[in-house]
Amino acid sequence: MAVKKIKETIEFQVEFYDVDSMQVAWHGNYVKFMEVARCALLRKIGYDYNEMTARRRFAY
């Protein structure tokens, strides 16, 4: 049985306070950016934090 892959592409603006003077995002913010992407993917499959909280299931 083949596994169905899910793909989601998002665009968001990196805020001024997340970059240094050379306009490079600090690597510590990558986790924050990945969380934005993870939330977008969960929304795409119809699953969100409200549902996780209601079912007491968390995906860390």
C-alpha atoms as a PDB file:
ATOM      1  CA  MET A   1       0.000   0.000   0.000  1.00  0.00           C
ATOM      2  CA  ALA A   2       1.432   3.356  -1.051  1.00  0.00           C
ATOM      3  CA  VAL A   3       1.624   6.166   1.470  1.00  0.00           C
ATOM      4  CA  LYS A   4      -0.156   9.335   0.392  1.00  0.00           C
ATOM      5  CA  LYS A   5       2.118  12.353   0.749  1.00  0.00           C
ATOM      6  CA  ILE A   6       0.714  15.714   1.725  1.00  0.00           C
ATOM      7  CA  LYS A   7       2.377  18.912   0.594  1.00  0.00           C
ATOM      8  CA  GLU A   8       1.609  22.484   1.526  1.00  0.00           C
ATOM      9  CA  THR A   9       3.406  25.656   0.459  1.00  0.00           C
ATOM     10  CA  ILE A  10       3.027  28.842   2.427  1.00  0.00           C
ATOM     11  CA  GLU A  11       4.396  32.331   2.106  1.00  0.00           C
ATOM     12  CA  PHE A  12       4.802  34.696   4.996  1.00  0.00           C
ATOM     13  CA  GLN A  13       6.739  37.833   5.673  1.00  0.00           C
ATOM     14  CA  VAL A  14       9.711  37.581   7.990  1.00  0.00           C
ATOM     15  CA  GLU A  15       9.327  40.502  10.340  1.00  0.00           C
ATOM     16  CA  PHE A  16      11.973  43.178  10.842  1.00  0.00           C
ATOM     17  CA  TYR A  17      12.690  42.065  14.412  1.00  0.00           C
ATOM     18  CA  ASP A  18      13.501  38.508  13.225  1.00  0.00           C
ATOM     19  CA  VAL A  19      16.457  39.549  11.063  1.00  0.00           C
ATOM     20  CA  ASP A  20      19.878  41.031  11.685  1.00  0.00           C
ATOM     21  CA  SER A  21      21.415  44.117  10.063  1.00  0.00           C
ATOM     22  CA  MET A  22      22.211  42.081   6.912  1.00  0.00           C
ATOM     23  CA  GLN A  23      18.544  41.028   6.581  1.00  0.00           C
ATOM     24  CA  VAL A  24      19.335  37.398   7.499  1.00  0.00           C
ATOM     25  CA  ALA A  25      16.935  35.555   9.768  1.00  0.00           C
ATOM     26  CA  TRP A  26      18.527  34.249  12.946  1.00  0.00           C
ATOM     27  CA  HIS A  27      18.632  30.433  12.898  1.00  0.00           C
ATOM     28  CA  GLY A  28      16.851  30.259  16.246  1.00  0.00           C
ATOM     29  CA  ASN A  29      13.693  31.535  14.540  1.00  0.00           C
ATOM     30  CA  TYR A  30      13.538  28.546  12.197  1.00  0.00           C
ATOM     31  CA  VAL A  31      11.529  26.653  14.822  1.00  0.00           C
ATOM     32  CA  LYS A  32       8.941  29.429  14.819  1.00  0.00           C
ATOM     33  CA  PHE A  33       8.775  29.360  11.021  1.00  0.00           C
ATOM     34  CA  MET A  34       8.399  25.569  10.996  1.00  0.00           C
ATOM     35  CA  GLU A  35       5.515  25.844  13.460  1.00  0.00           C
ATOM     36  CA  VAL A  36       3.747  28.253  11.104  1.00  0.00           C
ATOM     37  CA  ALA A  37       4.178  25.689   8.318  1.00  0.00           C
ATOM     38  CA  ARG A  38       3.022  22.800  10.527  1.00  0.00           C
ATOM     39  CA  CYS A  39      -0.151  24.699  11.446  1.00  0.00           C
ATOM     40  CA  ALA A  40      -0.839  25.368   7.748  1.00  0.00           C
ATOM     41  CA  LEU A  41      -0.442  21.670   6.982  1.00  0.00           C
ATOM     42  CA  LEU A  42      -2.772  20.694   9.814  1.00  0.00           C
ATOM     43  CA  ARG A  43      -5.378  23.177   8.542  1.00  0.00           C
ATOM     44  CA  LYS A  44      -5.060  21.674   5.057  1.00  0.00           C
ATOM     45  CA  ILE A  45      -5.989  18.218   6.335  1.00  0.00           C
ATOM     46  CA  GLY A  46      -8.801  19.648   8.451  1.00  0.00           C
ATOM     47  CA  TYR A  47      -7.165  19.214  11.864  1.00  0.00           C
ATOM     48  CA  ASP A  48      -6.288  22.086  14.151  1.00  0.00           C
ATOM     49  CA  TYR A  49      -5.242  22.933  17.691  1.00  0.00           C
ATOM     50  CA  ASN A  50      -8.837  23.334  18.862  1.00  0.00           C
ATOM     51  CA  GLU A  51      -9.583  19.762  17.802  1.00  0.00           C
ATOM     52  CA  MET A  52      -6.362  18.476  19.382  1.00  0.00           C
ATOM     53  CA  THR A  53      -7.256  20.217  22.645  1.00  0.00           C
ATOM     54  CA  ALA A  54     -10.804  18.897  22.588  1.00  0.00           C
ATOM     55  CA  ARG A  55      -9.569  15.327  22.075  1.00  0.00           C
ATOM     56  CA  ARG A  56      -6.614  15.827  24.446  1.00  0.00           C
ATOM     57  CA  ARG A  57      -4.220  14.687  21.728  1.00  0.00           C
ATOM     58  CA  PHE A  58      -1.157  16.778  21.065  1.00  0.00           C
ATOM     59  CA  ALA A  59       1.288  16.525  18.180  1.00  0.00           C
ATOM     60  CA  TYR A  60       4.650  17.891  19.223  1.00  0.00           C
END
